[in-house]
C-alpha atoms as a PDB file:
ATOM      1  CA  UNK A   1      71.001  32.053  75.506  1.00  0.00           C
ATOM      2  CA  UNK A   2      74.155  33.509  77.054  1.00  0.00           C
ATOM      3  CA  UNK A   3      74.130  36.507  74.690  1.00  0.00           C
ATOM      4  CA  UNK A   4      70.426  37.238  75.222  1.00  0.00           C
ATOM      5  CA  UNK A   5      70.139  36.128  78.867  1.00  0.00           C
ATOM      6  CA  UNK A   6      68.764  39.474  80.128  1.00  0.00           C
ATOM      7  CA  UNK A   7      66.084  39.482  77.446  1.00  0.00           C
ATOM      8  CA  UNK A   8      65.070  35.902  78.208  1.00  0.00           C
ATOM      9  CA  UNK A   9      64.887  36.452  81.967  1.00  0.00           C
ATOM     10  CA  UNK A  10      62.760  39.611  81.650  1.00  0.00           C
ATOM     11  CA  UNK A  11      60.393  38.236  79.026  1.00  0.00           C
ATOM     12  CA  UNK A  12      56.884  37.307  80.079  1.00  0.00           C
ATOM     13  CA  UNK A  13      56.148  35.392  76.863  1.00  0.00           C
ATOM     14  CA  UNK A  14      57.964  33.923  73.855  1.00  0.00           C
ATOM     15  CA  UNK A  15      56.558  36.765  71.752  1.00  0.00           C
ATOM     16  CA  UNK A  16      58.587  39.279  73.737  1.00  0.00           C
ATOM     17  CA  UNK A  17      61.747  37.239  73.153  1.00  0.00           C
ATOM     18  CA  UNK A  18      60.956  36.989  69.434  1.00  0.00           C
ATOM     19  CA  UNK A  19      60.504  40.755  69.203  1.00  0.00           C
ATOM     20  CA  UNK A  20      63.766  41.329  71.071  1.00  0.00           C
ATOM     21  CA  UNK A  21      65.675  38.938  68.844  1.00  0.00           C
ATOM     22  CA  UNK A  22      64.279  40.638  65.768  1.00  0.00           C
ATOM     23  CA  UNK A  23      65.245  44.058  67.150  1.00  0.00           C
ATOM     24  CA  UNK A  24      68.812  42.735  67.561  1.00  0.00           C
ATOM     25  CA  UNK A  25      68.959  41.745  63.913  1.00  0.00           C
ATOM     26  CA  UNK A  26      68.035  38.061  64.010  1.00  0.00           C
ATOM     27  CA  UNK A  27      65.938  36.831  61.098  1.00  0.00           C
ATOM     28  CA  UNK A  28      64.265  33.551  60.208  1.00  0.00           C
ATOM     29  CA  UNK A  29      67.325  32.727  58.127  1.00  0.00           C
ATOM     30  CA  UNK A  30      69.535  33.239  61.181  1.00  0.00           C
ATOM     31  CA  UNK A  31      67.236  31.025  63.247  1.00  0.00           C
ATOM     32  CA  UNK A  32      67.688  28.254  60.667  1.00  0.00           C
ATOM     33  CA  UNK A  33      71.383  28.085  61.622  1.00  0.00           C
ATOM     34  CA  UNK A  34      70.226  27.059  65.096  1.00  0.00           C
ATOM     35  CA  UNK A  35      68.006  24.363  63.532  1.00  0.00           C
ATOM     36  CA  UNK A  36      64.741  26.233  64.068  1.00  0.00           C
ATOM     37  CA  UNK A  37      62.273  27.014  61.317  1.00  0.00           C
ATOM     38  CA  UNK A  38      61.875  30.687  62.354  1.00  0.00           C
ATOM     39  CA  UNK A  39      62.527  33.244  65.086  1.00  0.00           C
ATOM     40  CA  UNK A  40      59.268  32.368  66.844  1.00  0.00           C
ATOM     41  CA  UNK A  41      60.296  28.724  67.275  1.00  0.00           C
ATOM     42  CA  UNK A  42      63.729  29.776  68.535  1.00  0.00           C
ATOM     43  CA  UNK A  43      62.101  32.188  70.996  1.00  0.00           C
ATOM     44  CA  UNK A  44      59.853  29.437  72.355  1.00  0.00           C
ATOM     45  CA  UNK A  45      62.857  27.223  73.103  1.00  0.00           C
ATOM     46  CA  UNK A  46      64.771  30.095  74.714  1.00  0.00           C
ATOM     47  CA  UNK A  47      61.726  30.873  76.856  1.00  0.00           C
ATOM     48  CA  UNK A  48      61.409  27.256  77.977  1.00  0.00           C
ATOM     49  CA  UNK A  49      65.161  26.849  78.647  1.00  0.00           C
ATOM     50  CA  UNK A  50      65.622  30.051  80.653  1.00  0.00           C
ATOM     51  CA  UNK A  51      66.920  28.966  84.107  1.00  0.00           C
ATOM     52  CA  UNK A  52      64.752  31.550  85.882  1.00  0.00           C
ATOM     53  CA  UNK A  53      61.649  29.450  85.065  1.00  0.00           C
ATOM     54  CA  UNK A  54      60.822  25.774  85.324  1.00  0.00           C
ATOM     55  CA  UNK A  55      61.886  24.043  82.154  1.00  0.00           C
ATOM     56  CA  UNK A  56      58.475  22.489  81.678  1.00  0.00           C
ATOM     57  CA  UNK A  57      56.457  25.640  82.260  1.00  0.00           C
ATOM     58  CA  UNK A  58      53.677  26.284  79.813  1.00  0.00           C
ATOM     59  CA  UNK A  59      54.384  28.624  76.955  1.00  0.00           C
ATOM     60  CA  UNK A  60      51.648  31.125  77.589  1.00  0.00           C
ATOM     61  CA  UNK A  61      50.863  33.805  75.079  1.00  0.00           C
ATOM     62  CA  UNK A  62      49.243  36.926  76.496  1.00  0.00           C
ATOM     63  CA  UNK A  63      45.799  37.465  75.042  1.00  0.00           C
ATOM     64  CA  UNK A  64      45.224  40.369  72.682  1.00  0.00           C
ATOM     65  CA  UNK A  65      43.951  43.596  74.190  1.00  0.00           C
ATOM     66  CA  UNK A  66      40.351  42.946  75.103  1.00  0.00           C
ATOM     67  CA  UNK A  67      37.444  45.335  75.210  1.00  0.00           C
ATOM     68  CA  UNK A  68      37.546  47.512  78.322  1.00  0.00           C
ATOM     69  CA  UNK A  69      34.459  49.667  78.040  1.00  0.00           C
ATOM     70  CA  UNK A  70      35.410  52.021  80.846  1.00  0.00           C
ATOM     71  CA  UNK A  71      38.918  52.638  79.512  1.00  0.00           C
ATOM     72  CA  UNK A  72      37.704  53.162  75.959  1.00  0.00           C
ATOM     73  CA  UNK A  73      35.001  55.547  77.138  1.00  0.00           C
ATOM     74  CA  UNK A  74      37.638  57.515  79.060  1.00  0.00           C
ATOM     75  CA  UNK A  75      40.066  58.100  76.215  1.00  0.00           C
ATOM     76  CA  UNK A  76      37.235  58.600  73.715  1.00  0.00           C
ATOM     77  CA  UNK A  77      35.842  61.407  75.863  1.00  0.00           C
ATOM     78  CA  UNK A  78      39.275  62.982  76.121  1.00  0.00           C
ATOM     79  CA  UNK A  79      39.723  62.714  72.339  1.00  0.00           C
ATOM     80  CA  UNK A  80      36.495  64.652  71.814  1.00  0.00           C
ATOM     81  CA  UNK A  81      37.536  67.557  74.043  1.00  0.00           C
ATOM     82  CA  UNK A  82      39.968  69.377  71.654  1.00  0.00           C
ATOM     83  CA  UNK A  83      37.354  69.550  68.905  1.00  0.00           C
ATOM     84  CA  UNK A  84      34.680  70.576  71.391  1.00  0.00           C
ATOM     85  CA  UNK A  85      36.852  73.432  72.673  1.00  0.00           C
ATOM     86  CA  UNK A  86      37.511  74.712  69.145  1.00  0.00           C
ATOM     87  CA  UNK A  87      33.876  74.298  68.139  1.00  0.00           C
ATOM     88  CA  UNK A  88      32.673  76.208  71.209  1.00  0.00           C
ATOM     89  CA  UNK A  89      35.153  79.012  70.502  1.00  0.00           C
ATOM     90  CA  UNK A  90      34.132  79.260  66.841  1.00  0.00           C
ATOM     91  CA  UNK A  91      30.446  79.210  67.773  1.00  0.00           C
ATOM     92  CA  UNK A  92      30.900  81.941  70.370  1.00  0.00           C
ATOM     93  CA  UNK A  93      32.748  84.133  67.884  1.00  0.00           C
ATOM     94  CA  UNK A  94      30.031  83.656  65.261  1.00  0.00           C
ATOM     95  CA  UNK A  95      27.186  84.375  67.699  1.00  0.00           C
ATOM     96  CA  UNK A  96      28.835  87.480  69.120  1.00  0.00           C
ATOM     97  CA  UNK A  97      30.080  88.855  65.796  1.00  0.00           C
ATOM     98  CA  UNK A  98      29.597  92.607  65.861  1.00  0.00           C
ATOM     99  CA  UNK A  99      28.775  92.640  69.578  1.00  0.00           C
ATOM    100  CA  UNK A 100      32.279  92.132  70.958  1.00  0.00           C
ATOM    101  CA  UNK A 101      35.174  94.500  70.438  1.00  0.00           C
ATOM    102  CA  UNK A 102      38.539  93.504  69.066  1.00  0.00           C
ATOM    103  CA  UNK A 103      40.073  92.996  72.499  1.00  0.00           C
ATOM    104  CA  UNK A 104      37.223  90.815  73.721  1.00  0.00           C
ATOM    105  CA  UNK A 105      37.318  88.670  70.575  1.00  0.00           C
ATOM    106  CA  UNK A 106      41.069  88.245  70.964  1.00  0.00           C
ATOM    107  CA  UNK A 107      40.543  87.150  74.573  1.00  0.00           C
ATOM    108  CA  UNK A 108      37.967  84.579  73.446  1.00  0.00           C
ATOM    109  CA  UNK A 109      40.352  83.242  70.813  1.00  0.00           C
ATOM    110  CA  UNK A 110      43.272  82.985  73.254  1.00  0.00           C
ATOM    111  CA  UNK A 111      41.101  81.291  75.875  1.00  0.00           C
ATOM    112  CA  UNK A 112      39.752  78.803  73.348  1.00  0.00           C
ATOM    113  CA  UNK A 113      43.241  78.035  72.072  1.00  0.00           C
ATOM    114  CA  UNK A 114      44.520  77.401  75.604  1.00  0.00           C
ATOM    115  CA  UNK A 115      41.588  75.114  76.385  1.00  0.00           C
ATOM    116  CA  UNK A 116      42.121  73.198  73.142  1.00  0.00           C
ATOM    117  CA  UNK A 117      45.851  72.787  73.885  1.00  0.00           C
ATOM    118  CA  UNK A 118      45.148  71.542  77.416  1.00  0.00           C
ATOM    119  CA  UNK A 119      42.523  69.121  76.108  1.00  0.00           C
ATOM    120  CA  UNK A 120      44.931  67.859  73.455  1.00  0.00           C
ATOM    121  CA  UNK A 121      47.636  67.349  76.057  1.00  0.00           C
ATOM    122  CA  UNK A 122      45.297  65.290  78.239  1.00  0.00           C
ATOM    123  CA  UNK A 123      44.136  63.334  75.186  1.00  0.00           C
ATOM    124  CA  UNK A 124      47.662  62.441  74.064  1.00  0.00           C
ATOM    125  CA  UNK A 125      48.530  61.274  77.566  1.00  0.00           C
ATOM    126  CA  UNK A 126      46.061  58.377  77.520  1.00  0.00           C
ATOM    127  CA  UNK A 127      44.712  55.809  75.130  1.00  0.00           C
ATOM    128  CA  UNK A 128      45.993  54.634  71.753  1.00  0.00           C
ATOM    129  CA  UNK A 129      47.727  57.953  70.958  1.00  0.00           C
ATOM    130  CA  UNK A 130      49.907  57.961  74.065  1.00  0.00           C
ATOM    131  CA  UNK A 131      53.625  57.954  73.235  1.00  0.00           C
ATOM    132  CA  UNK A 132      55.451  55.856  75.878  1.00  0.00           C
ATOM    133  CA  UNK A 133      58.815  57.444  75.069  1.00  0.00           C
ATOM    134  CA  UNK A 134      57.587  60.973  74.382  1.00  0.00           C
ATOM    135  CA  UNK A 135      57.427  62.732  71.036  1.00  0.00           C
ATOM    136  CA  UNK A 136      60.648  64.740  71.193  1.00  0.00           C
ATOM    137  CA  UNK A 137      60.493  68.062  69.359  1.00  0.00           C
ATOM    138  CA  UNK A 138      57.400  67.066  67.399  1.00  0.00           C
ATOM    139  CA  UNK A 139      55.222  69.486  69.378  1.00  0.00           C
ATOM    140  CA  UNK A 140      57.257  72.478  68.259  1.00  0.00           C
ATOM    141  CA  UNK A 141      57.015  71.481  64.608  1.00  0.00           C
ATOM    142  CA  UNK A 142      53.304  70.735  64.980  1.00  0.00           C
ATOM    143  CA  UNK A 143      52.704  74.285  66.265  1.00  0.00           C
ATOM    144  CA  UNK A 144      54.418  75.700  63.177  1.00  0.00           C
ATOM    145  CA  UNK A 145      52.406  73.498  60.823  1.00  0.00           C
ATOM    146  CA  UNK A 146      49.110  74.396  62.498  1.00  0.00           C
ATOM    147  CA  UNK A 147      49.967  78.093  62.381  1.00  0.00           C
ATOM    148  CA  UNK A 148      50.816  77.795  58.696  1.00  0.00           C
ATOM    149  CA  UNK A 149      47.527  75.977  58.099  1.00  0.00           C
ATOM    150  CA  UNK A 150      45.723  79.023  59.525  1.00  0.00           C
ATOM    151  CA  UNK A 151      47.824  81.855  58.099  1.00  0.00           C
ATOM    152  CA  UNK A 152      50.123  80.291  55.518  1.00  0.00           C
ATOM    153  CA  UNK A 153      47.994  80.490  52.385  1.00  0.00           C
ATOM    154  CA  UNK A 154      47.344  84.203  52.874  1.00  0.00           C
ATOM    155  CA  UNK A 155      51.059  84.755  53.492  1.00  0.00           C
ATOM    156  CA  UNK A 156      52.006  82.899  50.311  1.00  0.00           C
ATOM    157  CA  UNK A 157      49.401  84.813  48.307  1.00  0.00           C
ATOM    158  CA  UNK A 158      50.681  88.187  49.525  1.00  0.00           C
ATOM    159  CA  UNK A 159      54.339  87.325  48.998  1.00  0.00           C
ATOM    160  CA  UNK A 160      53.747  86.018  45.469  1.00  0.00           C
ATOM    161  CA  UNK A 161      51.753  89.130  44.563  1.00  0.00           C
ATOM    162  CA  UNK A 162      54.519  91.487  45.670  1.00  0.00           C
ATOM    163  CA  UNK A 163      53.846  91.814  49.397  1.00  0.00           C
ATOM    164  CA  UNK A 164      53.483  91.145  52.219  1.00  0.00           C
ATOM    165  CA  UNK A 165      51.247  94.202  52.329  1.00  0.00           C
ATOM    166  CA  UNK A 166      49.357  93.916  55.608  1.00  0.00           C
ATOM    167  CA  UNK A 167      47.881  91.625  58.251  1.00  0.00           C
ATOM    168  CA  UNK A 168      47.299  88.068  57.160  1.00  0.00           C
ATOM    169  CA  UNK A 169      43.711  86.930  57.138  1.00  0.00           C
ATOM    170  CA  UNK A 170      43.197  83.826  59.291  1.00  0.00           C
ATOM    171  CA  UNK A 171      41.563  80.647  57.949  1.00  0.00           C
ATOM    172  CA  UNK A 172      40.511  78.755  61.111  1.00  0.00           C
ATOM    173  CA  UNK A 173      38.568  75.988  59.328  1.00  0.00           C
ATOM    174  CA  UNK A 174      41.571  73.606  59.044  1.00  0.00           C
ATOM    175  CA  UNK A 175      42.270  73.984  62.756  1.00  0.00           C
ATOM    176  CA  UNK A 176      38.656  73.178  63.650  1.00  0.00           C
ATOM    177  CA  UNK A 177      38.557  70.156  61.338  1.00  0.00           C
ATOM    178  CA  UNK A 178      41.874  68.772  62.555  1.00  0.00           C
ATOM    179  CA  UNK A 179      40.992  69.053  66.239  1.00  0.00           C
ATOM    180  CA  UNK A 180      37.653  67.364  65.584  1.00  0.00           C
ATOM    181  CA  UNK A 181      39.557  64.534  63.883  1.00  0.00           C
ATOM    182  CA  UNK A 182      41.495  63.645  67.041  1.00  0.00           C
ATOM    183  CA  UNK A 183      38.744  61.224  68.093  1.00  0.00           C
ATOM    184  CA  UNK A 184      38.727  59.316  64.765  1.00  0.00           C
ATOM    185  CA  UNK A 185      42.534  59.254  64.923  1.00  0.00           C
ATOM    186  CA  UNK A 186      42.400  57.617  68.356  1.00  0.00           C
ATOM    187  CA  UNK A 187      39.937  54.979  67.167  1.00  0.00           C
ATOM    188  CA  UNK A 188      41.933  54.233  64.009  1.00  0.00           C
ATOM    189  CA  UNK A 189      45.103  53.869  66.090  1.00  0.00           C
ATOM    190  CA  UNK A 190      43.197  51.584  68.468  1.00  0.00           C
ATOM    191  CA  UNK A 191      41.989  49.480  65.526  1.00  0.00           C
ATOM    192  CA  UNK A 192      45.503  49.131  64.143  1.00  0.00           C
ATOM    193  CA  UNK A 193      47.090  48.263  67.500  1.00  0.00           C
ATOM    194  CA  UNK A 194      44.520  45.614  68.412  1.00  0.00           C
ATOM    195  CA  UNK A 195      44.539  43.967  64.988  1.00  0.00           C
ATOM    196  CA  UNK A 196      48.350  44.013  64.771  1.00  0.00           C
ATOM    197  CA  UNK A 197      48.589  42.355  68.194  1.00  0.00           C
ATOM    198  CA  UNK A 198      46.228  39.639  67.028  1.00  0.00           C
ATOM    199  CA  UNK A 199      48.371  39.127  63.940  1.00  0.00           C
ATOM    200  CA  UNK A 200      51.437  38.859  66.151  1.00  0.00           C
ATOM    201  CA  UNK A 201      49.922  36.197  68.401  1.00  0.00           C
ATOM    202  CA  UNK A 202      48.709  34.210  65.396  1.00  0.00           C
ATOM    203  CA  UNK A 203      51.831  34.424  63.220  1.00  0.00           C
ATOM    204  CA  UNK A 204      54.493  31.742  63.017  1.00  0.00           C
ATOM    205  CA  UNK A 205      57.120  33.713  61.074  1.00  0.00           C
ATOM    206  CA  UNK A 206      58.332  37.286  60.885  1.00  0.00           C
ATOM    207  CA  UNK A 207      57.568  37.532  57.176  1.00  0.00           C
ATOM    208  CA  UNK A 208      54.039  36.305  57.792  1.00  0.00           C
ATOM    209  CA  UNK A 209      53.504  38.916  60.492  1.00  0.00           C
ATOM    210  CA  UNK A 210      54.896  41.741  58.338  1.00  0.00           C
ATOM    211  CA  UNK A 211      52.757  40.744  55.366  1.00  0.00           C
ATOM    212  CA  UNK A 212      49.664  40.851  57.558  1.00  0.00           C
ATOM    213  CA  UNK A 213      50.410  44.172  59.262  1.00  0.00           C
ATOM    214  CA  UNK A 214      51.097  46.298  56.172  1.00  0.00           C
ATOM    215  CA  UNK A 215      47.494  46.070  54.858  1.00  0.00           C
ATOM    216  CA  UNK A 216      46.264  46.892  58.381  1.00  0.00           C
ATOM    217  CA  UNK A 217      48.328  50.081  58.406  1.00  0.00           C
ATOM    218  CA  UNK A 218      46.986  51.123  55.025  1.00  0.00           C
ATOM    219  CA  UNK A 219      43.430  50.371  56.171  1.00  0.00           C
ATOM    220  CA  UNK A 220      43.905  52.498  59.307  1.00  0.00           C
ATOM    221  CA  UNK A 221      45.202  55.431  57.247  1.00  0.00           C
ATOM    222  CA  UNK A 222      42.337  55.146  54.749  1.00  0.00           C
ATOM    223  CA  UNK A 223      39.768  54.943  57.553  1.00  0.00           C
ATOM    224  CA  UNK A 224      41.226  58.032  59.188  1.00  0.00           C
ATOM    225  CA  UNK A 225      41.239  59.918  55.891  1.00  0.00           C
ATOM    226  CA  UNK A 226      37.605  58.952  55.272  1.00  0.00           C
ATOM    227  CA  UNK A 227      36.712  60.450  58.664  1.00  0.00           C
ATOM    228  CA  UNK A 228      38.962  63.490  58.277  1.00  0.00           C
ATOM    229  CA  UNK A 229      37.740  64.739  54.904  1.00  0.00           C
ATOM    230  CA  UNK A 230      34.050  65.188  55.905  1.00  0.00           C
ATOM    231  CA  UNK A 231      35.108  66.971  59.095  1.00  0.00           C
ATOM    232  CA  UNK A 232      37.296  69.378  57.117  1.00  0.00           C
ATOM    233  CA  UNK A 233      34.541  70.041  54.583  1.00  0.00           C
ATOM    234  CA  UNK A 234      32.001  70.663  57.342  1.00  0.00           C
ATOM    235  CA  UNK A 235      34.371  72.988  59.189  1.00  0.00           C
ATOM    236  CA  UNK A 236      35.081  74.897  55.986  1.00  0.00           C
ATOM    237  CA  UNK A 237      31.375  75.113  55.189  1.00  0.00           C
ATOM    238  CA  UNK A 238      30.434  76.208  58.705  1.00  0.00           C
ATOM    239  CA  UNK A 239      33.013  78.990  58.791  1.00  0.00           C
ATOM    240  CA  UNK A 240      32.118  80.300  55.349  1.00  0.00           C
ATOM    241  CA  UNK A 241      35.133  79.033  53.454  1.00  0.00           C
ATOM    242  CA  UNK A 242      35.165  77.971  49.837  1.00  0.00           C
ATOM    243  CA  UNK A 243      38.473  76.165  49.556  1.00  0.00           C
ATOM    244  CA  UNK A 244      39.204  72.473  49.168  1.00  0.00           C
ATOM    245  CA  UNK A 245      40.991  71.103  52.255  1.00  0.00           C
ATOM    246  CA  UNK A 246      43.727  69.226  50.398  1.00  0.00           C
ATOM    247  CA  UNK A 247      46.577  70.719  52.415  1.00  0.00           C
ATOM    248  CA  UNK A 248      44.719  70.241  55.707  1.00  0.00           C
ATOM    249  CA  UNK A 249      43.999  66.599  54.818  1.00  0.00           C
ATOM    250  CA  UNK A 250      47.675  66.004  54.023  1.00  0.00           C
ATOM    251  CA  UNK A 251      48.609  67.628  57.330  1.00  0.00           C
ATOM    252  CA  UNK A 252      46.113  65.451  59.207  1.00  0.00           C
ATOM    253  CA  UNK A 253      47.524  62.239  57.701  1.00  0.00           C
ATOM    254  CA  UNK A 254      51.044  63.427  58.519  1.00  0.00           C
ATOM    255  CA  UNK A 255      50.064  64.061  62.152  1.00  0.00           C
ATOM    256  CA  UNK A 256      48.313  60.687  62.374  1.00  0.00           C
ATOM    257  CA  UNK A 257      51.278  58.705  61.066  1.00  0.00           C
ATOM    258  CA  UNK A 258      53.766  60.601  63.230  1.00  0.00           C
ATOM    259  CA  UNK A 259      51.709  59.971  66.357  1.00  0.00           C
ATOM    260  CA  UNK A 260      51.059  56.330  65.466  1.00  0.00           C
ATOM    261  CA  UNK A 261      54.802  55.732  65.173  1.00  0.00           C
ATOM    262  CA  UNK A 262      55.435  57.571  68.450  1.00  0.00           C
ATOM    263  CA  UNK A 263      52.762  55.466  70.157  1.00  0.00           C
ATOM    264  CA  UNK A 264      54.740  52.377  69.131  1.00  0.00           C
ATOM    265  CA  UNK A 265      58.000  53.730  70.515  1.00  0.00           C
ATOM    266  CA  UNK A 266      59.310  55.267  67.262  1.00  0.00           C
ATOM    267  CA  UNK A 267      59.066  59.073  67.631  1.00  0.00           C
ATOM    268  CA  UNK A 268      62.151  60.048  65.619  1.00  0.00           C
ATOM    269  CA  UNK A 269      60.841  59.363  62.075  1.00  0.00           C
ATOM    270  CA  UNK A 270      57.686  61.372  62.722  1.00  0.00           C
ATOM    271  CA  UNK A 271      59.665  64.280  64.148  1.00  0.00           C
ATOM    272  CA  UNK A 272      61.926  64.248  61.103  1.00  0.00           C
ATOM    273  CA  UNK A 273      58.949  64.231  58.718  1.00  0.00           C
ATOM    274  CA  UNK A 274      57.295  67.141  60.552  1.00  0.00           C
ATOM    275  CA  UNK A 275      60.561  69.070  60.460  1.00  0.00           C
ATOM    276  CA  UNK A 276      60.898  68.449  56.724  1.00  0.00           C
ATOM    277  CA  UNK A 277      57.378  69.786  56.094  1.00  0.00           C
ATOM    278  CA  UNK A 278      58.169  72.876  58.182  1.00  0.00           C
ATOM    279  CA  UNK A 279      61.352  73.450  56.207  1.00  0.00           C
ATOM    280  CA  UNK A 280      59.524  73.328  52.864  1.00  0.00           C
ATOM    281  CA  UNK A 281      56.795  75.692  54.073  1.00  0.00           C
ATOM    282  CA  UNK A 282      59.371  78.147  55.414  1.00  0.00           C
ATOM    283  CA  UNK A 283      61.487  77.921  52.271  1.00  0.00           C
ATOM    284  CA  UNK A 284      58.638  78.847  49.902  1.00  0.00           C
ATOM    285  CA  UNK A 285      58.176  82.521  50.965  1.00  0.00           C
ATOM    286  CA  UNK A 286      61.912  82.822  51.610  1.00  0.00           C
ATOM    287  CA  UNK A 287      62.694  81.811  48.017  1.00  0.00           C
ATOM    288  CA  UNK A 288      60.155  84.290  46.635  1.00  0.00           C
ATOM    289  CA  UNK A 289      61.648  87.106  48.697  1.00  0.00           C
ATOM    290  CA  UNK A 290      65.195  86.087  47.762  1.00  0.00           C
ATOM    291  CA  UNK A 291      64.178  86.036  44.091  1.00  0.00           C
ATOM    292  CA  UNK A 292      63.606  89.785  44.225  1.00  0.00           C
ATOM    293  CA  UNK A 293      67.335  90.367  44.593  1.00  0.00           C
ATOM    294  CA  UNK A 294      69.304  91.037  41.380  1.00  0.00           C
ATOM    295  CA  UNK A 295      70.510  87.844  39.774  1.00  0.00           C
ATOM    296  CA  UNK A 296      68.469  85.537  42.048  1.00  0.00           C
ATOM    297  CA  UNK A 297      65.224  85.568  40.084  1.00  0.00           C
ATOM    298  CA  UNK A 298      65.418  81.804  39.265  1.00  0.00           C
ATOM    299  CA  UNK A 299      65.013  80.972  42.952  1.00  0.00           C
ATOM    300  CA  UNK A 300      61.412  82.157  42.960  1.00  0.00           C
ATOM    301  CA  UNK A 301      60.320  80.428  39.749  1.00  0.00           C
ATOM    302  CA  UNK A 302      59.437  77.023  41.267  1.00  0.00           C
ATOM    303  CA  UNK A 303      57.207  78.665  43.888  1.00  0.00           C
ATOM    304  CA  UNK A 304      55.527  80.916  41.319  1.00  0.00           C
ATOM    305  CA  UNK A 305      54.910  77.913  39.059  1.00  0.00           C
ATOM    306  CA  UNK A 306      53.478  75.877  41.923  1.00  0.00           C
ATOM    307  CA  UNK A 307      51.155  78.673  43.037  1.00  0.00           C
ATOM    308  CA  UNK A 308      50.068  79.344  39.456  1.00  0.00           C
ATOM    309  CA  UNK A 309      49.180  75.666  39.014  1.00  0.00           C
ATOM    310  CA  UNK A 310      47.443  74.984  42.328  1.00  0.00           C
ATOM    311  CA  UNK A 311      47.002  78.245  44.190  1.00  0.00           C
ATOM    312  CA  UNK A 312      48.629  79.246  47.496  1.00  0.00           C
ATOM    313  CA  UNK A 313      47.379  76.041  49.113  1.00  0.00           C
ATOM    314  CA  UNK A 314      49.603  73.987  46.824  1.00  0.00           C
ATOM    315  CA  UNK A 315      52.659  74.886  48.925  1.00  0.00           C
ATOM    316  CA  UNK A 316      51.474  73.324  52.222  1.00  0.00           C
ATOM    317  CA  UNK A 317      49.773  70.516  50.288  1.00  0.00           C
ATOM    318  CA  UNK A 318      53.071  69.592  48.639  1.00  0.00           C
ATOM    319  CA  UNK A 319      55.079  69.979  51.848  1.00  0.00           C
ATOM    320  CA  UNK A 320      52.748  67.913  54.039  1.00  0.00           C
ATOM    321  CA  UNK A 321      51.751  65.451  51.302  1.00  0.00           C
ATOM    322  CA  UNK A 322      55.338  64.542  50.431  1.00  0.00           C
ATOM    323  CA  UNK A 323      56.260  64.221  54.106  1.00  0.00           C
ATOM    324  CA  UNK A 324      53.188  62.060  54.786  1.00  0.00           C
ATOM    325  CA  UNK A 325      53.941  59.789  51.826  1.00  0.00           C
ATOM    326  CA  UNK A 326      57.530  59.305  52.922  1.00  0.00           C
ATOM    327  CA  UNK A 327      56.418  58.629  56.491  1.00  0.00           C
ATOM    328  CA  UNK A 328      53.831  56.103  55.290  1.00  0.00           C
ATOM    329  CA  UNK A 329      56.517  54.189  53.396  1.00  0.00           C
ATOM    330  CA  UNK A 330      58.734  54.195  56.462  1.00  0.00           C
ATOM    331  CA  UNK A 331      55.871  53.198  58.770  1.00  0.00           C
ATOM    332  CA  UNK A 332      54.925  50.267  56.533  1.00  0.00           C
ATOM    333  CA  UNK A 333      58.409  48.855  57.152  1.00  0.00           C
ATOM    334  CA  UNK A 334      58.885  49.925  60.790  1.00  0.00           C
ATOM    335  CA  UNK A 335      55.467  48.840  62.059  1.00  0.00           C
ATOM    336  CA  UNK A 336      55.693  45.475  60.297  1.00  0.00           C
ATOM    337  CA  UNK A 337      58.426  44.499  62.760  1.00  0.00           C
ATOM    338  CA  UNK A 338      57.395  42.530  65.830  1.00  0.00           C
ATOM    339  CA  UNK A 339      59.609  44.706  68.044  1.00  0.00           C
ATOM    340  CA  UNK A 340      57.355  47.708  67.324  1.00  0.00           C
ATOM    341  CA  UNK A 341      54.437  46.016  69.092  1.00  0.00           C
ATOM    342  CA  UNK A 342      55.979  45.156  72.457  1.00  0.00           C
ATOM    343  CA  UNK A 343      54.912  48.385  74.188  1.00  0.00           C
ATOM    344  CA  UNK A 344      52.006  48.134  76.621  1.00  0.00           C
ATOM    345  CA  UNK A 345      48.673  48.721  74.967  1.00  0.00           C
ATOM    346  CA  UNK A 346      46.845  51.552  76.700  1.00  0.00           C
ATOM    347  CA  UNK A 347      43.814  51.798  74.491  1.00  0.00           C
ATOM    348  CA  UNK A 348      41.889  48.684  75.384  1.00  0.00           C
END
């Protein structure tokens, strides 16, 4: 109690003390040394014995986030705005094709991009996707990854074939599909947060809580992927594409996991995963170009083999897929800790 006095005096429930003890390295085995069956039981006694409260005060557990229709309607509407801005821009460009000059079309694209960015900023400031501690440099890496999703495959194709030879043809379908998937991402994050909080209030041991949260995380990722894939296919079909959105799907899952971790106060792992994906995507054309120098031909062989096996889209698919898999493994451990669920829930 002396060592954790500040934690005990600030806590509004035994659950907050349990999460703080766990964050400081205490386990159920450690609690057994103090003759308690687990960290939760130890936290309940610390809560009751804290001098700032009456010793006989009731041990009240805050209820799980309840349904707040107005709040949910607010952040759901905001989550729909980025996709609506991109969809309106794409529709305007298709309707006015041949009627607008190059400068006017560029102005439409820039305006639509600015509106989508503003909408995304508002969306990420409220609801289940809000990061209470910020997202660090993740935004910079996200801009690179989105730009590569639009122009990267054409760049890789030109570099592998001996170029680059000219302007890169844009593929806006992934951008449209990913912005439309912001709303499903918010709802999947809301589902995970609410269910994990219920697991926390109903668990009696840290291992029990962790075992219950890991399947919830996997379910949230699968639900998001099931919503993302149709949106990517529809965007590709609507804009006349013929590709399979494997790389865009991997990028969407990577974004979702990074933001989910940031929303639970853990932005650093997501930022690191995004940076790793950027590094792989930047290294691929650099290795091909370096392989043209005398004696450095082996540097380009892995990229040539990858493109020959899966096409230019295999490079971003590998970069984002590997980063997303690594982040999922980390998230399954990090989000199964009680201390990751002590931030205020804003997506009721």
